[in-house]
Amino acid sequence: SPDPADRRRNIITLTAAGRRQLRRLE
């Protein structure tokens, strides 16, 4: 998603599905 402080930059966030995948990878 766009960074509210600098719309030229993206902010990356972990989703719930990403957390589940991380548990599988761990």
mmCIF file of all heavy atoms, coordinates in Angstrom:
data_MODEL
# 
_entry.id   MODEL 
# 
loop_
_atom_site.group_PDB 
_atom_site.id 
_atom_site.type_symbol 
_atom_site.label_atom_id 
_atom_site.label_alt_id 
_atom_site.label_comp_id 
_atom_site.label_asym_id 
_atom_site.label_entity_id 
_atom_site.label_seq_id 
_atom_site.pdbx_PDB_ins_code 
_atom_site.Cartn_x 
_atom_site.Cartn_y 
_atom_site.Cartn_z 
_atom_site.occupancy 
_atom_site.B_iso_or_equiv 
_atom_site.pdbx_formal_charge 
_atom_site.auth_seq_id 
_atom_site.auth_comp_id 
_atom_site.auth_asym_id 
_atom_site.auth_atom_id 
_atom_site.pdbx_PDB_model_num 
ATOM 1   N N   . SER A 1 1  ? 0.846  -1.196  0.000  1.00 0.00 ? 1  SER A N   1 
ATOM 2   C CA  . SER A 1 1  ? 0.000  0.000   0.000  1.00 0.00 ? 1  SER A CA  1 
ATOM 3   C C   . SER A 1 1  ? 0.880  1.244   0.000  1.00 0.00 ? 1  SER A C   1 
ATOM 4   O O   . SER A 1 1  ? 2.004  1.208   0.496  1.00 0.00 ? 1  SER A O   1 
ATOM 5   C CB  . SER A 1 1  ? -0.929 -0.004  1.211  1.00 0.00 ? 1  SER A CB  1 
ATOM 6   O OG  . SER A 1 1  ? -0.180 -0.058  2.396  1.00 0.00 ? 1  SER A OG  1 
ATOM 7   N N   . PRO A 1 2  ? 0.363  2.348   -0.555 1.00 0.00 ? 2  PRO A N   1 
ATOM 8   C CA  . PRO A 1 2  ? 1.159  3.577   -0.586 1.00 0.00 ? 2  PRO A CA  1 
ATOM 9   C C   . PRO A 1 2  ? 1.455  4.078   0.839  1.00 0.00 ? 2  PRO A C   1 
ATOM 10  O O   . PRO A 1 2  ? 0.609  3.998   1.723  1.00 0.00 ? 2  PRO A O   1 
ATOM 11  C CB  . PRO A 1 2  ? 0.278  4.578   -1.332 1.00 0.00 ? 2  PRO A CB  1 
ATOM 12  C CG  . PRO A 1 2  ? -0.750 3.750   -2.035 1.00 0.00 ? 2  PRO A CG  1 
ATOM 13  C CD  . PRO A 1 2  ? -0.915 2.503   -1.231 1.00 0.00 ? 2  PRO A CD  1 
ATOM 14  N N   . ASP A 1 3  ? 2.648  4.580   1.038  1.00 0.00 ? 3  ASP A N   1 
ATOM 15  C CA  . ASP A 1 3  ? 3.055  5.173   2.314  1.00 0.00 ? 3  ASP A CA  1 
ATOM 16  C C   . ASP A 1 3  ? 2.357  6.518   2.449  1.00 0.00 ? 3  ASP A C   1 
ATOM 17  O O   . ASP A 1 3  ? 2.506  7.382   1.593  1.00 0.00 ? 3  ASP A O   1 
ATOM 18  C CB  . ASP A 1 3  ? 4.573  5.347   2.327  1.00 0.00 ? 3  ASP A CB  1 
ATOM 19  C CG  . ASP A 1 3  ? 5.110  5.887   3.633  1.00 0.00 ? 3  ASP A CG  1 
ATOM 20  O OD1 . ASP A 1 3  ? 4.333  6.396   4.452  1.00 0.00 ? 3  ASP A OD1 1 
ATOM 21  O OD2 . ASP A 1 3  ? 6.341  5.790   3.821  1.00 0.00 ? 3  ASP A OD2 1 
ATOM 22  N N   . PRO A 1 4  ? 1.574  6.727   3.517  1.00 0.00 ? 4  PRO A N   1 
ATOM 23  C CA  . PRO A 1 4  ? 0.875  8.010   3.665  1.00 0.00 ? 4  PRO A CA  1 
ATOM 24  C C   . PRO A 1 4  ? 1.837  9.202   3.761  1.00 0.00 ? 4  PRO A C   1 
ATOM 25  O O   . PRO A 1 4  ? 1.494  10.305  3.361  1.00 0.00 ? 4  PRO A O   1 
ATOM 26  C CB  . PRO A 1 4  ? 0.087  7.856   4.967  1.00 0.00 ? 4  PRO A CB  1 
ATOM 27  C CG  . PRO A 1 4  ? 0.234  6.451   5.400  1.00 0.00 ? 4  PRO A CG  1 
ATOM 28  C CD  . PRO A 1 4  ? 1.278  5.796   4.575  1.00 0.00 ? 4  PRO A CD  1 
ATOM 29  N N   . ALA A 1 5  ? 3.048  8.971   4.242  1.00 0.00 ? 5  ALA A N   1 
ATOM 30  C CA  . ALA A 1 5  ? 4.028  10.056  4.380  1.00 0.00 ? 5  ALA A CA  1 
ATOM 31  C C   . ALA A 1 5  ? 4.725  10.367  3.055  1.00 0.00 ? 5  ALA A C   1 
ATOM 32  O O   . ALA A 1 5  ? 5.223  11.469  2.855  1.00 0.00 ? 5  ALA A O   1 
ATOM 33  C CB  . ALA A 1 5  ? 5.071  9.695   5.436  1.00 0.00 ? 5  ALA A CB  1 
ATOM 34  N N   . ASP A 1 6  ? 4.782  9.398   2.161  1.00 0.00 ? 6  ASP A N   1 
ATOM 35  C CA  . ASP A 1 6  ? 5.448  9.579   0.866  1.00 0.00 ? 6  ASP A CA  1 
ATOM 36  C C   . ASP A 1 6  ? 4.796  8.626   -0.121 1.00 0.00 ? 6  ASP A C   1 
ATOM 37  O O   . ASP A 1 6  ? 5.155  7.457   -0.211 1.00 0.00 ? 6  ASP A O   1 
ATOM 38  C CB  . ASP A 1 6  ? 6.946  9.289   0.997  1.00 0.00 ? 6  ASP A CB  1 
ATOM 39  C CG  . ASP A 1 6  ? 7.705  9.509   -0.308 1.00 0.00 ? 6  ASP A CG  1 
ATOM 40  O OD1 . ASP A 1 6  ? 7.069  9.745   -1.366 1.00 0.00 ? 6  ASP A OD1 1 
ATOM 41  O OD2 . ASP A 1 6  ? 8.948  9.436   -0.269 1.00 0.00 ? 6  ASP A OD2 1 
ATOM 42  N N   . ARG A 1 7  ? 3.834  9.119   -0.882 1.00 0.00 ? 7  ARG A N   1 
ATOM 43  C CA  . ARG A 1 7  ? 3.034  8.264   -1.752 1.00 0.00 ? 7  ARG A CA  1 
ATOM 44  C C   . ARG A 1 7  ? 3.847  7.625   -2.884 1.00 0.00 ? 7  ARG A C   1 
ATOM 45  O O   . ARG A 1 7  ? 3.350  6.745   -3.568 1.00 0.00 ? 7  ARG A O   1 
ATOM 46  C CB  . ARG A 1 7  ? 1.849  9.052   -2.294 1.00 0.00 ? 7  ARG A CB  1 
ATOM 47  C CG  . ARG A 1 7  ? 0.992  9.557   -1.119 1.00 0.00 ? 7  ARG A CG  1 
ATOM 48  C CD  . ARG A 1 7  ? -0.425 9.846   -1.398 1.00 0.00 ? 7  ARG A CD  1 
ATOM 49  N NE  . ARG A 1 7  ? -1.270 8.875   -2.016 1.00 0.00 ? 7  ARG A NE  1 
ATOM 50  C CZ  . ARG A 1 7  ? -1.902 7.874   -1.410 1.00 0.00 ? 7  ARG A CZ  1 
ATOM 51  N NH1 . ARG A 1 7  ? -1.716 7.658   -0.134 1.00 0.00 ? 7  ARG A NH1 1 
ATOM 52  N NH2 . ARG A 1 7  ? -2.713 7.102   -2.070 1.00 0.00 ? 7  ARG A NH2 1 
ATOM 53  N N   . ARG A 1 8  ? 5.097  8.046   -3.068 1.00 0.00 ? 8  ARG A N   1 
ATOM 54  C CA  . ARG A 1 8  ? 5.951  7.399   -4.069 1.00 0.00 ? 8  ARG A CA  1 
ATOM 55  C C   . ARG A 1 8  ? 6.497  6.064   -3.556 1.00 0.00 ? 8  ARG A C   1 
ATOM 56  O O   . ARG A 1 8  ? 6.993  5.260   -4.316 1.00 0.00 ? 8  ARG A O   1 
ATOM 57  C CB  . ARG A 1 8  ? 7.135  8.299   -4.434 1.00 0.00 ? 8  ARG A CB  1 
ATOM 58  C CG  . ARG A 1 8  ? 6.709  9.615   -5.088 1.00 0.00 ? 8  ARG A CG  1 
ATOM 59  C CD  . ARG A 1 8  ? 7.875  10.528  -5.203 1.00 0.00 ? 8  ARG A CD  1 
ATOM 60  N NE  . ARG A 1 8  ? 8.315  10.877  -3.835 1.00 0.00 ? 8  ARG A NE  1 
ATOM 61  C CZ  . ARG A 1 8  ? 9.386  11.584  -3.537 1.00 0.00 ? 8  ARG A CZ  1 
ATOM 62  N NH1 . ARG A 1 8  ? 10.161 12.029  -4.491 1.00 0.00 ? 8  ARG A NH1 1 
ATOM 63  N NH2 . ARG A 1 8  ? 9.693  11.858  -2.289 1.00 0.00 ? 8  ARG A NH2 1 
ATOM 64  N N   . ARG A 1 9  ? 6.392  5.856   -2.254 1.00 0.00 ? 9  ARG A N   1 
ATOM 65  C CA  . ARG A 1 9  ? 6.957  4.671   -1.621 1.00 0.00 ? 9  ARG A CA  1 
ATOM 66  C C   . ARG A 1 9  ? 5.823  3.737   -1.187 1.00 0.00 ? 9  ARG A C   1 
ATOM 67  O O   . ARG A 1 9  ? 4.762  4.189   -0.766 1.00 0.00 ? 9  ARG A O   1 
ATOM 68  C CB  . ARG A 1 9  ? 7.777  5.119   -0.404 1.00 0.00 ? 9  ARG A CB  1 
ATOM 69  C CG  . ARG A 1 9  ? 8.423  4.005   0.342  1.00 0.00 ? 9  ARG A CG  1 
ATOM 70  C CD  . ARG A 1 9  ? 9.360  4.470   1.418  1.00 0.00 ? 9  ARG A CD  1 
ATOM 71  N NE  . ARG A 1 9  ? 8.774  5.507   2.240  1.00 0.00 ? 9  ARG A NE  1 
ATOM 72  C CZ  . ARG A 1 9  ? 9.480  6.303   3.020  1.00 0.00 ? 9  ARG A CZ  1 
ATOM 73  N NH1 . ARG A 1 9  ? 10.776 6.191   3.087  1.00 0.00 ? 9  ARG A NH1 1 
ATOM 74  N NH2 . ARG A 1 9  ? 8.876  7.228   3.755  1.00 0.00 ? 9  ARG A NH2 1 
ATOM 75  N N   . ASN A 1 10 ? 6.077  2.439   -1.270 1.00 0.00 ? 10 ASN A N   1 
ATOM 76  C CA  . ASN A 1 10 ? 5.108  1.440   -0.812 1.00 0.00 ? 10 ASN A CA  1 
ATOM 77  C C   . ASN A 1 10 ? 5.490  0.929   0.568  1.00 0.00 ? 10 ASN A C   1 
ATOM 78  O O   . ASN A 1 10 ? 6.677  0.805   0.886  1.00 0.00 ? 10 ASN A O   1 
ATOM 79  C CB  . ASN A 1 10 ? 5.065  0.238   -1.768 1.00 0.00 ? 10 ASN A CB  1 
ATOM 80  C CG  . ASN A 1 10 ? 4.344  0.565   -3.047 1.00 0.00 ? 10 ASN A CG  1 
ATOM 81  O OD1 . ASN A 1 10 ? 3.316  1.224   -3.040 1.00 0.00 ? 10 ASN A OD1 1 
ATOM 82  N ND2 . ASN A 1 10 ? 4.880  0.094   -4.165 1.00 0.00 ? 10 ASN A ND2 1 
ATOM 83  N N   . ILE A 1 11 ? 4.472  0.603   1.344  1.00 0.00 ? 11 ILE A N   1 
ATOM 84  C CA  . ILE A 1 11 ? 4.655  -0.057  2.626  1.00 0.00 ? 11 ILE A CA  1 
ATOM 85  C C   . ILE A 1 11 ? 4.150  -1.490  2.447  1.00 0.00 ? 11 ILE A C   1 
ATOM 86  O O   . ILE A 1 11 ? 3.051  -1.710  1.935  1.00 0.00 ? 11 ILE A O   1 
ATOM 87  C CB  . ILE A 1 11 ? 3.880  0.656   3.764  1.00 0.00 ? 11 ILE A CB  1 
ATOM 88  C CG1 . ILE A 1 11 ? 4.415  2.064   3.958  1.00 0.00 ? 11 ILE A CG1 1 
ATOM 89  C CG2 . ILE A 1 11 ? 3.947  -0.149  5.055  1.00 0.00 ? 11 ILE A CG2 1 
ATOM 90  C CD1 . ILE A 1 11 ? 5.855  2.144   4.436  1.00 0.00 ? 11 ILE A CD1 1 
ATOM 91  N N   . ILE A 1 12 ? 4.958  -2.439  2.876  1.00 0.00 ? 12 ILE A N   1 
ATOM 92  C CA  . ILE A 1 12 ? 4.616  -3.853  2.743  1.00 0.00 ? 12 ILE A CA  1 
ATOM 93  C C   . ILE A 1 12 ? 4.189  -4.362  4.115  1.00 0.00 ? 12 ILE A C   1 
ATOM 94  O O   . ILE A 1 12 ? 4.856  -4.130  5.115  1.00 0.00 ? 12 ILE A O   1 
ATOM 95  C CB  . ILE A 1 12 ? 5.824  -4.665  2.236  1.00 0.00 ? 12 ILE A CB  1 
ATOM 96  C CG1 . ILE A 1 12 ? 6.457  -4.010  1.002  1.00 0.00 ? 12 ILE A CG1 1 
ATOM 97  C CG2 . ILE A 1 12 ? 5.422  -6.119  1.962  1.00 0.00 ? 12 ILE A CG2 1 
ATOM 98  C CD1 . ILE A 1 12 ? 5.522  -3.753  -0.148 1.00 0.00 ? 12 ILE A CD1 1 
ATOM 99  N N   . THR A 1 13 ? 3.056  -5.075  4.144  1.00 0.00 ? 13 THR A N   1 
ATOM 100 C CA  . THR A 1 13 ? 2.491  -5.585  5.391  1.00 0.00 ? 13 THR A CA  1 
ATOM 101 C C   . THR A 1 13 ? 2.246  -7.080  5.255  1.00 0.00 ? 13 THR A C   1 
ATOM 102 O O   . THR A 1 13 ? 1.791  -7.551  4.212  1.00 0.00 ? 13 THR A O   1 
ATOM 103 C CB  . THR A 1 13 ? 1.149  -4.862  5.687  1.00 0.00 ? 13 THR A CB  1 
ATOM 104 O OG1 . THR A 1 13 ? 1.371  -3.449  5.691  1.00 0.00 ? 13 THR A OG1 1 
ATOM 105 C CG2 . THR A 1 13 ? 0.566  -5.286  7.025  1.00 0.00 ? 13 THR A CG2 1 
ATOM 106 N N   . LEU A 1 14 ? 2.509  -7.804  6.312  1.00 0.00 ? 14 LEU A N   1 
ATOM 107 C CA  . LEU A 1 14 ? 2.250  -9.240  6.367  1.00 0.00 ? 14 LEU A CA  1 
ATOM 108 C C   . LEU A 1 14 ? 0.754  -9.464  6.554  1.00 0.00 ? 14 LEU A C   1 
ATOM 109 O O   . LEU A 1 14 ? 0.119  -8.833  7.404  1.00 0.00 ? 14 LEU A O   1 
ATOM 110 C CB  . LEU A 1 14 ? 3.027  -9.841  7.548  1.00 0.00 ? 14 LEU A CB  1 
ATOM 111 C CG  . LEU A 1 14 ? 2.994  -11.346 7.743  1.00 0.00 ? 14 LEU A CG  1 
ATOM 112 C CD1 . LEU A 1 14 ? 3.617  -12.053 6.546  1.00 0.00 ? 14 LEU A CD1 1 
ATOM 113 C CD2 . LEU A 1 14 ? 3.746  -11.708 9.021  1.00 0.00 ? 14 LEU A CD2 1 
ATOM 114 N N   . THR A 1 15 ? 0.170  -10.369 5.763  1.00 0.00 ? 15 THR A N   1 
ATOM 115 C CA  . THR A 1 15 ? -1.257 -10.696 5.891  1.00 0.00 ? 15 THR A CA  1 
ATOM 116 C C   . THR A 1 15 ? -1.418 -11.923 6.796  1.00 0.00 ? 15 THR A C   1 
ATOM 117 O O   . THR A 1 15 ? -0.441 -12.600 7.137  1.00 0.00 ? 15 THR A O   1 
ATOM 118 C CB  . THR A 1 15 ? -1.870 -11.010 4.514  1.00 0.00 ? 15 THR A CB  1 
ATOM 119 O OG1 . THR A 1 15 ? -1.247 -12.201 4.009  1.00 0.00 ? 15 THR A OG1 1 
ATOM 120 C CG2 . THR A 1 15 ? -1.698 -9.853  3.529  1.00 0.00 ? 15 THR A CG2 1 
ATOM 121 N N   . ALA A 1 16 ? -2.664 -12.222 7.141  1.00 0.00 ? 16 ALA A N   1 
ATOM 122 C CA  . ALA A 1 16 ? -2.941 -13.422 7.936  1.00 0.00 ? 16 ALA A CA  1 
ATOM 123 C C   . ALA A 1 16 ? -2.487 -14.671 7.175  1.00 0.00 ? 16 ALA A C   1 
ATOM 124 O O   . ALA A 1 16 ? -1.906 -15.595 7.764  1.00 0.00 ? 16 ALA A O   1 
ATOM 125 C CB  . ALA A 1 16 ? -4.429 -13.505 8.276  1.00 0.00 ? 16 ALA A CB  1 
ATOM 126 N N   . ALA A 1 17 ? -2.731 -14.700 5.865  1.00 0.00 ? 17 ALA A N   1 
ATOM 127 C CA  . ALA A 1 17 ? -2.275 -15.843 5.053  1.00 0.00 ? 17 ALA A CA  1 
ATOM 128 C C   . ALA A 1 17 ? -0.741 -15.915 5.058  1.00 0.00 ? 17 ALA A C   1 
ATOM 129 O O   . ALA A 1 17 ? -0.172 -17.008 5.063  1.00 0.00 ? 17 ALA A O   1 
ATOM 130 C CB  . ALA A 1 17 ? -2.800 -15.716 3.624  1.00 0.00 ? 17 ALA A CB  1 
ATOM 131 N N   . GLY A 1 18 ? -0.090 -14.769 5.064  1.00 0.00 ? 18 GLY A N   1 
ATOM 132 C CA  . GLY A 1 18 ? 1.370  -14.730 5.134  1.00 0.00 ? 18 GLY A CA  1 
ATOM 133 C C   . GLY A 1 18 ? 1.888  -15.294 6.442  1.00 0.00 ? 18 GLY A C   1 
ATOM 134 O O   . GLY A 1 18 ? 2.896  -16.004 6.469  1.00 0.00 ? 18 GLY A O   1 
ATOM 135 N N   . ARG A 1 19 ? 1.187  -14.997 7.538  1.00 0.00 ? 19 ARG A N   1 
ATOM 136 C CA  . ARG A 1 19 ? 1.575  -15.561 8.847  1.00 0.00 ? 19 ARG A CA  1 
ATOM 137 C C   . ARG A 1 19 ? 1.420  -17.086 8.840  1.00 0.00 ? 19 ARG A C   1 
ATOM 138 O O   . ARG A 1 19 ? 2.263  -17.806 9.379  1.00 0.00 ? 19 ARG A O   1 
ATOM 139 C CB  . ARG A 1 19 ? 0.728  -14.960 9.964  1.00 0.00 ? 19 ARG A CB  1 
ATOM 140 C CG  . ARG A 1 19 ? 1.245  -13.658 10.458 1.00 0.00 ? 19 ARG A CG  1 
ATOM 141 C CD  . ARG A 1 19 ? 0.548  -13.203 11.752 1.00 0.00 ? 19 ARG A CD  1 
ATOM 142 N NE  . ARG A 1 19 ? 1.104  -11.920 12.143 1.00 0.00 ? 19 ARG A NE  1 
ATOM 143 C CZ  . ARG A 1 19 ? 0.815  -10.769 11.601 1.00 0.00 ? 19 ARG A CZ  1 
ATOM 144 N NH1 . ARG A 1 19 ? -0.058 -10.705 10.608 1.00 0.00 ? 19 ARG A NH1 1 
ATOM 145 N NH2 . ARG A 1 19 ? 1.387  -9.657  12.011 1.00 0.00 ? 19 ARG A NH2 1 
ATOM 146 N N   . ARG A 1 20 ? 0.333  -17.566 8.255  1.00 0.00 ? 20 ARG A N   1 
ATOM 147 C CA  . ARG A 1 20 ? 0.131  -19.024 8.176  1.00 0.00 ? 20 ARG A CA  1 
ATOM 148 C C   . ARG A 1 20 ? 1.229  -19.669 7.335  1.00 0.00 ? 20 ARG A C   1 
ATOM 149 O O   . ARG A 1 20 ? 1.756  -20.726 7.701  1.00 0.00 ? 20 ARG A O   1 
ATOM 150 C CB  . ARG A 1 20 ? -1.250 -19.349 7.610  1.00 0.00 ? 20 ARG A CB  1 
ATOM 151 C CG  . ARG A 1 20 ? -2.380 -19.062 8.596  1.00 0.00 ? 20 ARG A CG  1 
ATOM 152 C CD  . ARG A 1 20 ? -3.715 -19.609 8.110  1.00 0.00 ? 20 ARG A CD  1 
ATOM 153 N NE  . ARG A 1 20 ? -4.152 -19.044 6.843  1.00 0.00 ? 20 ARG A NE  1 
ATOM 154 C CZ  . ARG A 1 20 ? -4.836 -17.909 6.705  1.00 0.00 ? 20 ARG A CZ  1 
ATOM 155 N NH1 . ARG A 1 20 ? -5.164 -17.207 7.768  1.00 0.00 ? 20 ARG A NH1 1 
ATOM 156 N NH2 . ARG A 1 20 ? -5.202 -17.493 5.519  1.00 0.00 ? 20 ARG A NH2 1 
ATOM 157 N N   . GLN A 1 21 ? 1.592  -19.033 6.214  1.00 0.00 ? 21 GLN A N   1 
ATOM 158 C CA  . GLN A 1 21 ? 2.669  -19.568 5.379  1.00 0.00 ? 21 GLN A CA  1 
ATOM 159 C C   . GLN A 1 21 ? 3.996  -19.536 6.143  1.00 0.00 ? 21 GLN A C   1 
ATOM 160 O O   . GLN A 1 21 ? 4.781  -20.484 6.067  1.00 0.00 ? 21 GLN A O   1 
ATOM 161 C CB  . GLN A 1 21 ? 2.790  -18.788 4.066  1.00 0.00 ? 21 GLN A CB  1 
ATOM 162 C CG  . GLN A 1 21 ? 3.948  -19.211 3.178  1.00 0.00 ? 21 GLN A CG  1 
ATOM 163 C CD  . GLN A 1 21 ? 3.809  -20.596 2.564  1.00 0.00 ? 21 GLN A CD  1 
ATOM 164 O OE1 . GLN A 1 21 ? 2.981  -21.414 2.967  1.00 0.00 ? 21 GLN A OE1 1 
ATOM 165 N NE2 . GLN A 1 21 ? 4.639  -20.895 1.582  1.00 0.00 ? 21 GLN A NE2 1 
ATOM 166 N N   . LEU A 1 22 ? 4.239  -18.486 6.901  1.00 0.00 ? 22 LEU A N   1 
ATOM 167 C CA  . LEU A 1 22 ? 5.459  -18.400 7.697  1.00 0.00 ? 22 LEU A CA  1 
ATOM 168 C C   . LEU A 1 22 ? 5.527  -19.551 8.694  1.00 0.00 ? 22 LEU A C   1 
ATOM 169 O O   . LEU A 1 22 ? 6.592  -20.142 8.892  1.00 0.00 ? 22 LEU A O   1 
ATOM 170 C CB  . LEU A 1 22 ? 5.544  -17.048 8.404  1.00 0.00 ? 22 LEU A CB  1 
ATOM 171 C CG  . LEU A 1 22 ? 6.792  -16.819 9.262  1.00 0.00 ? 22 LEU A CG  1 
ATOM 172 C CD1 . LEU A 1 22 ? 8.075  -16.980 8.453  1.00 0.00 ? 22 LEU A CD1 1 
ATOM 173 C CD2 . LEU A 1 22 ? 6.724  -15.432 9.910  1.00 0.00 ? 22 LEU A CD2 1 
ATOM 174 N N   . ARG A 1 23 ? 4.408  -19.897 9.323  1.00 0.00 ? 23 ARG A N   1 
ATOM 175 C CA  . ARG A 1 23 ? 4.398  -21.031 10.264 1.00 0.00 ? 23 ARG A CA  1 
ATOM 176 C C   . ARG A 1 23 ? 4.760  -22.324 9.526  1.00 0.00 ? 23 ARG A C   1 
ATOM 177 O O   . ARG A 1 23 ? 5.509  -23.154 10.054 1.00 0.00 ? 23 ARG A O   1 
ATOM 178 C CB  . ARG A 1 23 ? 3.022  -21.188 10.934 1.00 0.00 ? 23 ARG A CB  1 
ATOM 179 C CG  . ARG A 1 23 ? 2.555  -20.029 11.793 1.00 0.00 ? 23 ARG A CG  1 
ATOM 180 C CD  . ARG A 1 23 ? 3.335  -19.809 13.068 1.00 0.00 ? 23 ARG A CD  1 
ATOM 181 N NE  . ARG A 1 23 ? 4.520  -19.024 12.947 1.00 0.00 ? 23 ARG A NE  1 
ATOM 182 C CZ  . ARG A 1 23 ? 4.588  -17.671 12.920 1.00 0.00 ? 23 ARG A CZ  1 
ATOM 183 N NH1 . ARG A 1 23 ? 3.516  -16.926 12.979 1.00 0.00 ? 23 ARG A NH1 1 
ATOM 184 N NH2 . ARG A 1 23 ? 5.751  -17.063 12.808 1.00 0.00 ? 23 ARG A NH2 1 
ATOM 185 N N   . ARG A 1 24 ? 4.230  -22.523 8.306  1.00 0.00 ? 24 ARG A N   1 
ATOM 186 C CA  . ARG A 1 24 ? 4.575  -23.714 7.519  1.00 0.00 ? 24 ARG A CA  1 
ATOM 187 C C   . ARG A 1 24 ? 6.063  -23.725 7.198  1.00 0.00 ? 24 ARG A C   1 
ATOM 188 O O   . ARG A 1 24 ? 6.724  -24.767 7.295  1.00 0.00 ? 24 ARG A O   1 
ATOM 189 C CB  . ARG A 1 24 ? 3.750  -23.762 6.228  1.00 0.00 ? 24 ARG A CB  1 
ATOM 190 C CG  . ARG A 1 24 ? 2.315  -24.193 6.415  1.00 0.00 ? 24 ARG A CG  1 
ATOM 191 C CD  . ARG A 1 24 ? 1.606  -24.417 5.080  1.00 0.00 ? 24 ARG A CD  1 
ATOM 192 N NE  . ARG A 1 24 ? 1.346  -23.177 4.367  1.00 0.00 ? 24 ARG A NE  1 
ATOM 193 C CZ  . ARG A 1 24 ? 0.263  -22.420 4.542  1.00 0.00 ? 24 ARG A CZ  1 
ATOM 194 N NH1 . ARG A 1 24 ? -0.668 -22.765 5.409  1.00 0.00 ? 24 ARG A NH1 1 
ATOM 195 N NH2 . ARG A 1 24 ? 0.105  -21.316 3.853  1.00 0.00 ? 24 ARG A NH2 1 
ATOM 196 N N   . LEU A 1 25 ? 6.586  -22.567 6.822  1.00 0.00 ? 25 LEU A N   1 
ATOM 197 C CA  . LEU A 1 25 ? 8.006  -22.484 6.477  1.00 0.00 ? 25 LEU A CA  1 
ATOM 198 C C   . LEU A 1 25 ? 8.879  -22.729 7.700  1.00 0.00 ? 25 LEU A C   1 
ATOM 199 O O   . LEU A 1 25 ? 9.915  -23.402 7.601  1.00 0.00 ? 25 LEU A O   1 
ATOM 200 C CB  . LEU A 1 25 ? 8.325  -21.117 5.851  1.00 0.00 ? 25 LEU A CB  1 
ATOM 201 C CG  . LEU A 1 25 ? 7.654  -20.841 4.514  1.00 0.00 ? 25 LEU A CG  1 
ATOM 202 C CD1 . LEU A 1 25 ? 7.956  -19.423 4.050  1.00 0.00 ? 25 LEU A CD1 1 
ATOM 203 C CD2 . LEU A 1 25 ? 8.083  -21.852 3.475  1.00 0.00 ? 25 LEU A CD2 1 
ATOM 204 N N   . GLU A 1 26 ? 8.484  -22.215 8.834  1.00 0.00 ? 26 GLU A N   1 
ATOM 205 C CA  . GLU A 1 26 ? 9.245  -22.448 10.068 1.00 0.00 ? 26 GLU A CA  1 
ATOM 206 C C   . GLU A 1 26 ? 9.261  -23.938 10.423 1.00 0.00 ? 26 GLU A C   1 
ATOM 207 O O   . GLU A 1 26 ? 10.284 -24.473 10.854 1.00 0.00 ? 26 GLU A O   1 
ATOM 208 C CB  . GLU A 1 26 ? 8.672  -21.630 11.223 1.00 0.00 ? 26 GLU A CB  1 
ATOM 209 C CG  . GLU A 1 26 ? 8.940  -20.153 11.086 1.00 0.00 ? 26 GLU A CG  1 
ATOM 210 C CD  . GLU A 1 26 ? 8.170  -19.294 12.072 1.00 0.00 ? 26 GLU A CD  1 
ATOM 211 O OE1 . GLU A 1 26 ? 7.143  -19.756 12.623 1.00 0.00 ? 26 GLU A OE1 1 
ATOM 212 O OE2 . GLU A 1 26 ? 8.599  -18.144 12.283 1.00 0.00 ? 26 GLU A OE2 1 
# 
